[in-house]
Structures are given as C-alpha cells and as structure tokens.
PDB file of N, CA and C in Angstrom:
ATOM      1  N   MET A   1       0.838  -1.178   0.000  1.00  0.00           N
ATOM      2  CA  MET A   1       0.000   0.000   0.000  1.00  0.00           C
ATOM      3  C   MET A   1       0.884   1.243   0.000  1.00  0.00           C
ATOM      4  N   PRO A   2       0.642   2.149  -0.909  1.00  0.00           N
ATOM      5  CA  PRO A   2       1.441   3.370  -0.987  1.00  0.00           C
ATOM      6  C   PRO A   2       1.227   4.293   0.214  1.00  0.00           C
ATOM      7  N   TYR A   3       2.201   5.145   0.432  1.00  0.00           N
ATOM      8  CA  TYR A   3       2.089   6.251   1.376  1.00  0.00           C
ATOM      9  C   TYR A   3       1.893   7.510   0.550  1.00  0.00           C
ATOM     10  N   LEU A   4       0.738   8.155   0.711  1.00  0.00           N
ATOM     11  CA  LEU A   4       0.420   9.346  -0.069  1.00  0.00           C
ATOM     12  C   LEU A   4      -0.058  10.452   0.850  1.00  0.00           C
ATOM     13  N   GLY A   5       0.585  11.599   0.775  1.00  0.00           N
ATOM     14  CA  GLY A   5       0.123  12.742   1.554  1.00  0.00           C
ATOM     15  C   GLY A   5       1.262  13.497   2.184  1.00  0.00           C
ATOM     16  N   ARG A   6       0.904  14.408   3.085  1.00  0.00           N
ATOM     17  CA  ARG A   6       1.879  15.250   3.786  1.00  0.00           C
ATOM     18  C   ARG A   6       2.270  14.551   5.076  1.00  0.00           C
ATOM     19  N   ILE A   7       3.557  14.447   5.306  1.00  0.00           N
ATOM     20  CA  ILE A   7       4.040  13.864   6.546  1.00  0.00           C
ATOM     21  C   ILE A   7       3.845  14.910   7.636  1.00  0.00           C
ATOM     22  N   THR A   8       3.163  14.525   8.695  1.00  0.00           N
ATOM     23  CA  THR A   8       2.825  15.427   9.782  1.00  0.00           C
ATOM     24  C   THR A   8       4.064  16.121  10.328  1.00  0.00           C
ATOM     25  N   ASP A   9       3.919  17.391  10.648  1.00  0.00           N
ATOM     26  CA  ASP A   9       4.978  18.231  11.235  1.00  0.00           C
ATOM     27  C   ASP A   9       6.149  18.484  10.294  1.00  0.00           C
ATOM     28  N   THR A  10       5.969  18.294   9.015  1.00  0.00           N
ATOM     29  CA  THR A  10       7.024  18.593   8.042  1.00  0.00           C
ATOM     30  C   THR A  10       6.379  19.287   6.848  1.00  0.00           C
ATOM     31  N   GLY A  11       7.160  19.778   5.957  1.00  0.00           N
ATOM     32  CA  GLY A  11       6.633  20.335   4.721  1.00  0.00           C
ATOM     33  C   GLY A  11       6.752  19.344   3.582  1.00  0.00           C
ATOM     34  N   LEU A  12       7.030  18.091   3.913  1.00  0.00           N
ATOM     35  CA  LEU A  12       7.301  17.074   2.917  1.00  0.00           C
ATOM     36  C   LEU A  12       6.029  16.338   2.513  1.00  0.00           C
ATOM     37  N   TYR A  13       5.795  16.282   1.214  1.00  0.00           N
ATOM     38  CA  TYR A  13       4.708  15.471   0.663  1.00  0.00           C
ATOM     39  C   TYR A  13       5.339  14.231   0.053  1.00  0.00           C
ATOM     40  N   THR A  14       4.666  13.111   0.193  1.00  0.00           N
ATOM     41  CA  THR A  14       5.223  11.862  -0.300  1.00  0.00           C
ATOM     42  C   THR A  14       4.210  11.089  -1.132  1.00  0.00           C
ATOM     43  N   ALA A  15       4.703  10.423  -2.141  1.00  0.00           N
ATOM     44  CA  ALA A  15       3.908   9.510  -2.965  1.00  0.00           C
ATOM     45  C   ALA A  15       4.843   8.349  -3.301  1.00  0.00           C
ATOM     46  N   VAL A  16       4.942   7.393  -2.395  1.00  0.00           N
ATOM     47  CA  VAL A  16       5.892   6.288  -2.517  1.00  0.00           C
ATOM     48  C   VAL A  16       5.220   4.962  -2.177  1.00  0.00           C
ATOM     49  N   GLY A  17       5.909   3.879  -2.514  1.00  0.00           N
ATOM     50  CA  GLY A  17       5.477   2.548  -2.099  1.00  0.00           C
ATOM     51  C   GLY A  17       4.499   1.872  -3.029  1.00  0.00           C
ATOM     52  N   PHE A  18       4.638   2.082  -4.315  1.00  0.00           N
ATOM     53  CA  PHE A  18       3.672   1.548  -5.268  1.00  0.00           C
ATOM     54  C   PHE A  18       3.919   0.108  -5.677  1.00  0.00           C
ATOM     55  N   SER A  19       5.086  -0.420  -5.395  1.00  0.00           N
ATOM     56  CA  SER A  19       5.437  -1.772  -5.820  1.00  0.00           C
ATOM     57  C   SER A  19       5.320  -1.836  -7.342  1.00  0.00           C
ATOM     58  N   GLY A  20       4.554  -2.731  -7.882  1.00  0.00           N
ATOM     59  CA  GLY A  20       4.463  -2.860  -9.331  1.00  0.00           C
ATOM     60  C   GLY A  20       3.278  -2.155  -9.947  1.00  0.00           C
ATOM     61  N   HIS A  21       2.507  -1.407  -9.144  1.00  0.00           N
ATOM     62  CA  HIS A  21       1.261  -0.819  -9.632  1.00  0.00           C
ATOM     63  C   HIS A  21       1.354   0.673  -9.921  1.00  0.00           C
ATOM     64  N   GLY A  22       2.548   1.226  -9.872  1.00  0.00           N
ATOM     65  CA  GLY A  22       2.707   2.667 -10.051  1.00  0.00           C
ATOM     66  C   GLY A  22       2.209   3.192 -11.377  1.00  0.00           C
ATOM     67  N   PHE A  23       2.456   2.458 -12.455  1.00  0.00           N
ATOM     68  CA  PHE A  23       2.030   2.932 -13.769  1.00  0.00           C
ATOM     69  C   PHE A  23       0.512   2.968 -13.893  1.00  0.00           C
ATOM     70  N   GLN A  24      -0.176   2.022 -13.286  1.00  0.00           N
ATOM     71  CA  GLN A  24      -1.634   2.012 -13.335  1.00  0.00           C
ATOM     72  C   GLN A  24      -2.236   3.120 -12.493  1.00  0.00           C
ATOM     73  N   LEU A  25      -1.616   3.405 -11.353  1.00  0.00           N
ATOM     74  CA  LEU A  25      -2.169   4.379 -10.418  1.00  0.00           C
ATOM     75  C   LEU A  25      -1.693   5.805 -10.652  1.00  0.00           C
ATOM     76  N   ALA A  26      -0.641   5.984 -11.451  1.00  0.00           N
ATOM     77  CA  ALA A  26      -0.009   7.289 -11.608  1.00  0.00           C
ATOM     78  C   ALA A  26      -0.965   8.415 -11.998  1.00  0.00           C
ATOM     79  N   PRO A  27      -1.863   8.244 -12.957  1.00  0.00           N
ATOM     80  CA  PRO A  27      -2.740   9.374 -13.316  1.00  0.00           C
ATOM     81  C   PRO A  27      -3.623   9.840 -12.159  1.00  0.00           C
ATOM     82  N   ALA A  28      -4.236   8.914 -11.449  1.00  0.00           N
ATOM     83  CA  ALA A  28      -5.111   9.280 -10.331  1.00  0.00           C
ATOM     84  C   ALA A  28      -4.308   9.846  -9.171  1.00  0.00           C
ATOM     85  N   VAL A  29      -3.161   9.252  -8.882  1.00  0.00           N
ATOM     86  CA  VAL A  29      -2.315   9.734  -7.792  1.00  0.00           C
ATOM     87  C   VAL A  29      -1.766  11.125  -8.114  1.00  0.00           C
ATOM     88  N   GLY A  30      -1.330  11.333  -9.333  1.00  0.00           N
ATOM     89  CA  GLY A  30      -0.834  12.644  -9.729  1.00  0.00           C
ATOM     90  C   GLY A  30      -1.883  13.724  -9.569  1.00  0.00           C
ATOM     91  N   GLU A  31      -3.096  13.427  -9.974  1.00  0.00           N
ATOM     92  CA  GLU A  31      -4.192  14.393  -9.843  1.00  0.00           C
ATOM     93  C   GLU A  31      -4.508  14.674  -8.376  1.00  0.00           C
ATOM     94  N   ALA A  32      -4.580  13.632  -7.572  1.00  0.00           N
ATOM     95  CA  ALA A  32      -4.892  13.797  -6.150  1.00  0.00           C
ATOM     96  C   ALA A  32      -3.783  14.533  -5.410  1.00  0.00           C
ATOM     97  N   MET A  33      -2.524  14.190  -5.691  1.00  0.00           N
ATOM     98  CA  MET A  33      -1.409  14.851  -5.020  1.00  0.00           C
ATOM     99  C   MET A  33      -1.311  16.324  -5.435  1.00  0.00           C
ATOM    100  N   ALA A  34      -1.559  16.623  -6.703  1.00  0.00           N
ATOM    101  CA  ALA A  34      -1.546  18.009  -7.161  1.00  0.00           C
ATOM    102  C   ALA A  34      -2.611  18.818  -6.431  1.00  0.00           C
ATOM    103  N   ALA A  35      -3.779  18.242  -6.267  1.00  0.00           N
ATOM    104  CA  ALA A  35      -4.845  18.928  -5.534  1.00  0.00           C
ATOM    105  C   ALA A  35      -4.457  19.128  -4.072  1.00  0.00           C
ATOM    106  N   LEU A  36      -3.854  18.128  -3.475  1.00  0.00           N
ATOM    107  CA  LEU A  36      -3.451  18.216  -2.071  1.00  0.00           C
ATOM    108  C   LEU A  36      -2.396  19.293  -1.865  1.00  0.00           C
ATOM    109  N   VAL A  37      -1.375  19.317  -2.706  1.00  0.00           N
ATOM    110  CA  VAL A  37      -0.267  20.265  -2.560  1.00  0.00           C
ATOM    111  C   VAL A  37      -0.712  21.700  -2.823  1.00  0.00           C
ATOM    112  N   THR A  38      -1.645  21.890  -3.735  1.00  0.00           N
ATOM    113  CA  THR A  38      -2.085  23.244  -4.077  1.00  0.00           C
ATOM    114  C   THR A  38      -3.272  23.711  -3.253  1.00  0.00           C
ATOM    115  N   GLY A  39      -3.674  22.922  -2.266  1.00  0.00           N
ATOM    116  CA  GLY A  39      -4.766  23.324  -1.386  1.00  0.00           C
ATOM    117  C   GLY A  39      -6.136  22.976  -1.905  1.00  0.00           C
ATOM    118  N   GLY A  40      -6.202  22.187  -2.960  1.00  0.00           N
ATOM    119  CA  GLY A  40      -7.481  21.762  -3.504  1.00  0.00           C
ATOM    120  C   GLY A  40      -8.048  20.585  -2.735  1.00  0.00           C
ATOM    121  N   ASP A  41      -9.054  19.975  -3.275  1.00  0.00           N
ATOM    122  CA  ASP A  41      -9.709  18.841  -2.640  1.00  0.00           C
ATOM    123  C   ASP A  41      -9.316  17.562  -3.365  1.00  0.00           C
ATOM    124  N   PRO A  42      -8.509  16.701  -2.714  1.00  0.00           N
ATOM    125  CA  PRO A  42      -8.101  15.460  -3.372  1.00  0.00           C
ATOM    126  C   PRO A  42      -9.199  14.393  -3.363  1.00  0.00           C
ATOM    127  N   ALA A  43     -10.401  14.773  -2.992  1.00  0.00           N
ATOM    128  CA  ALA A  43     -11.552  13.871  -2.918  1.00  0.00           C
ATOM    129  C   ALA A  43     -11.253  12.722  -1.968  1.00  0.00           C
ATOM    130  N   ASP A  44     -11.718  11.565  -2.293  1.00  0.00           N
ATOM    131  CA  ASP A  44     -11.520  10.397  -1.432  1.00  0.00           C
ATOM    132  C   ASP A  44     -10.354   9.538  -1.903  1.00  0.00           C
ATOM    133  N   LEU A  45      -9.592  10.014  -2.884  1.00  0.00           N
ATOM    134  CA  LEU A  45      -8.539   9.200  -3.476  1.00  0.00           C
ATOM    135  C   LEU A  45      -7.418   8.877  -2.490  1.00  0.00           C
ATOM    136  N   LEU A  46      -7.201   9.730  -1.492  1.00  0.00           N
ATOM    137  CA  LEU A  46      -6.093   9.525  -0.572  1.00  0.00           C
ATOM    138  C   LEU A  46      -6.523   8.939   0.768  1.00  0.00           C
ATOM    139  N   ASP A  47      -7.803   8.709   0.975  1.00  0.00           N
ATOM    140  CA  ASP A  47      -8.269   8.143   2.233  1.00  0.00           C
ATOM    141  C   ASP A  47      -7.597   6.807   2.509  1.00  0.00           C
ATOM    142  N   GLY A  48      -7.086   6.663   3.705  1.00  0.00           N
ATOM    143  CA  GLY A  48      -6.461   5.409   4.114  1.00  0.00           C
ATOM    144  C   GLY A  48      -5.027   5.234   3.663  1.00  0.00           C
ATOM    145  N   LEU A  49      -4.473   6.196   2.930  1.00  0.00           N
ATOM    146  CA  LEU A  49      -3.108   6.064   2.418  1.00  0.00           C
ATOM    147  C   LEU A  49      -2.153   7.087   3.023  1.00  0.00           C
ATOM    148  N   HIS A  50      -2.599   7.819   4.034  1.00  0.00           N
ATOM    149  CA  HIS A  50      -1.783   8.862   4.649  1.00  0.00           C
ATOM    150  C   HIS A  50      -0.523   8.259   5.265  1.00  0.00           C
ATOM    151  N   PRO A  51       0.625   8.940   5.159  1.00  0.00           N
ATOM    152  CA  PRO A  51       1.881   8.403   5.694  1.00  0.00           C
ATOM    153  C   PRO A  51       1.851   8.091   7.189  1.00  0.00           C
ATOM    154  N   ASP A  52       1.025   8.783   7.956  1.00  0.00           N
ATOM    155  CA  ASP A  52       0.971   8.551   9.396  1.00  0.00           C
ATOM    156  C   ASP A  52      -0.034   7.470   9.792  1.00  0.00           C
ATOM    157  N   ARG A  53      -0.491   6.681   8.834  1.00  0.00           N
ATOM    158  CA  ARG A  53      -1.502   5.670   9.161  1.00  0.00           C
ATOM    159  C   ARG A  53      -0.949   4.516   9.982  1.00  0.00           C
ATOM    160  N   THR A  54       0.342   4.318   9.953  1.00  0.00           N
ATOM    161  CA  THR A  54       0.940   3.254  10.753  1.00  0.00           C
ATOM    162  C   THR A  54       1.559   3.851  12.001  1.00  0.00           C
ATOM    163  N   GLN A  55       1.607   3.077  13.044  1.00  0.00           N
ATOM    164  CA  GLN A  55       2.151   3.581  14.303  1.00  0.00           C
ATOM    165  C   GLN A  55       3.628   3.903  14.172  1.00  0.00           C
ATOM    166  N   LEU A  56       4.374   3.056  13.504  1.00  0.00           N
ATOM    167  CA  LEU A  56       5.794   3.294  13.291  1.00  0.00           C
ATOM    168  C   LEU A  56       6.004   3.560  11.809  1.00  0.00           C
ATOM    169  N   ASN A  57       6.242   4.790  11.475  1.00  0.00           N
ATOM    170  CA  ASN A  57       6.398   5.190  10.092  1.00  0.00           C
ATOM    171  C   ASN A  57       7.878   5.426   9.811  1.00  0.00           C
ATOM    172  N   PRO A  58       8.558   4.515   9.092  1.00  0.00           N
ATOM    173  CA  PRO A  58       9.994   4.669   8.866  1.00  0.00           C
ATOM    174  C   PRO A  58      10.354   5.917   8.057  1.00  0.00           C
ATOM    175  N   VAL A  59       9.484   6.354   7.167  1.00  0.00           N
ATOM    176  CA  VAL A  59       9.771   7.552   6.376  1.00  0.00           C
ATOM    177  C   VAL A  59       9.780   8.773   7.275  1.00  0.00           C
ATOM    178  N   ALA A  60       8.771   8.924   8.100  1.00  0.00           N
ATOM    179  CA  ALA A  60       8.690  10.074   9.002  1.00  0.00           C
ATOM    180  C   ALA A  60       9.802  10.016  10.045  1.00  0.00           C
ATOM    181  N   ALA A  61      10.118   8.829  10.556  1.00  0.00           N
ATOM    182  CA  ALA A  61      11.175   8.694  11.561  1.00  0.00           C
ATOM    183  C   ALA A  61      12.527   9.089  10.965  1.00  0.00           C
ATOM    184  N   ALA A  62      12.815   8.675   9.750  1.00  0.00           N
ATOM    185  CA  ALA A  62      14.082   9.023   9.103  1.00  0.00           C
ATOM    186  C   ALA A  62      14.158  10.521   8.859  1.00  0.00           C
ATOM    187  N   TRP A  63      13.046  11.133   8.454  1.00  0.00           N
ATOM    188  CA  TRP A  63      13.024  12.570   8.214  1.00  0.00           C
ATOM    189  C   TRP A  63      13.287  13.332   9.499  1.00  0.00           C
ATOM    190  N   ARG A  64      12.651  12.938  10.588  1.00  0.00           N
ATOM    191  CA  ARG A  64      12.821  13.625  11.865  1.00  0.00           C
ATOM    192  C   ARG A  64      14.234  13.438  12.418  1.00  0.00           C
ATOM    193  N   ASN A  65      14.824  12.285  12.214  1.00  0.00           N
ATOM    194  CA  ASN A  65      16.154  11.993  12.758  1.00  0.00           C
ATOM    195  C   ASN A  65      17.281  12.594  11.913  1.00  0.00           C
ATOM    196  N   ALA A  66      16.964  13.024  10.691  1.00  0.00           N
ATOM    197  CA  ALA A  66      18.005  13.546   9.794  1.00  0.00           C
ATOM    198  C   ALA A  66      18.503  14.926  10.233  1.00  0.00           C
ATOM    199  N   GLY A  67      17.677  15.678  10.928  1.00  0.00           N
ATOM    200  CA  GLY A  67      18.041  17.039  11.284  1.00  0.00           C
ATOM    201  C   GLY A  67      18.651  17.101  12.629  1.00  0.00           C
TER     202      GLY A  67
END
C-alpha cells in the first residue's frame, strides 16, 4: 500500500510505495497529489493512504532523525 500525503509536522509530501502498480495508479495519484499540494480537494482518493496511518512510520522517523 502506498504512502500518499503530507508527513505530519514537516513540509514534505510523499507519494511512494507503489510496488508494481505505479504505472496504473499514476494518473489518479498525480491528480490527487496536485490537488493536495495546491490546497485543492483530493476527494476520497487519498483516504487510508496517509503516511501517518501506521504507528511506526519509517519515512517520518528518518526525516525527523536527519536534522
């Protein structure tokens, strides 16, 4: 399952973790992420895929520990 959205407490937006399905999902993800970054409404396309959905998020932990 991809991680899509803004990582909490950072200015970083992420769209990663597609495995082999990135080419199929790219048009919808691109549209949703563009709406999210520009303050638009990404509709329901990003529900359940937020980077903070897991208790231990290695992407967010690495970002916080880098500084």
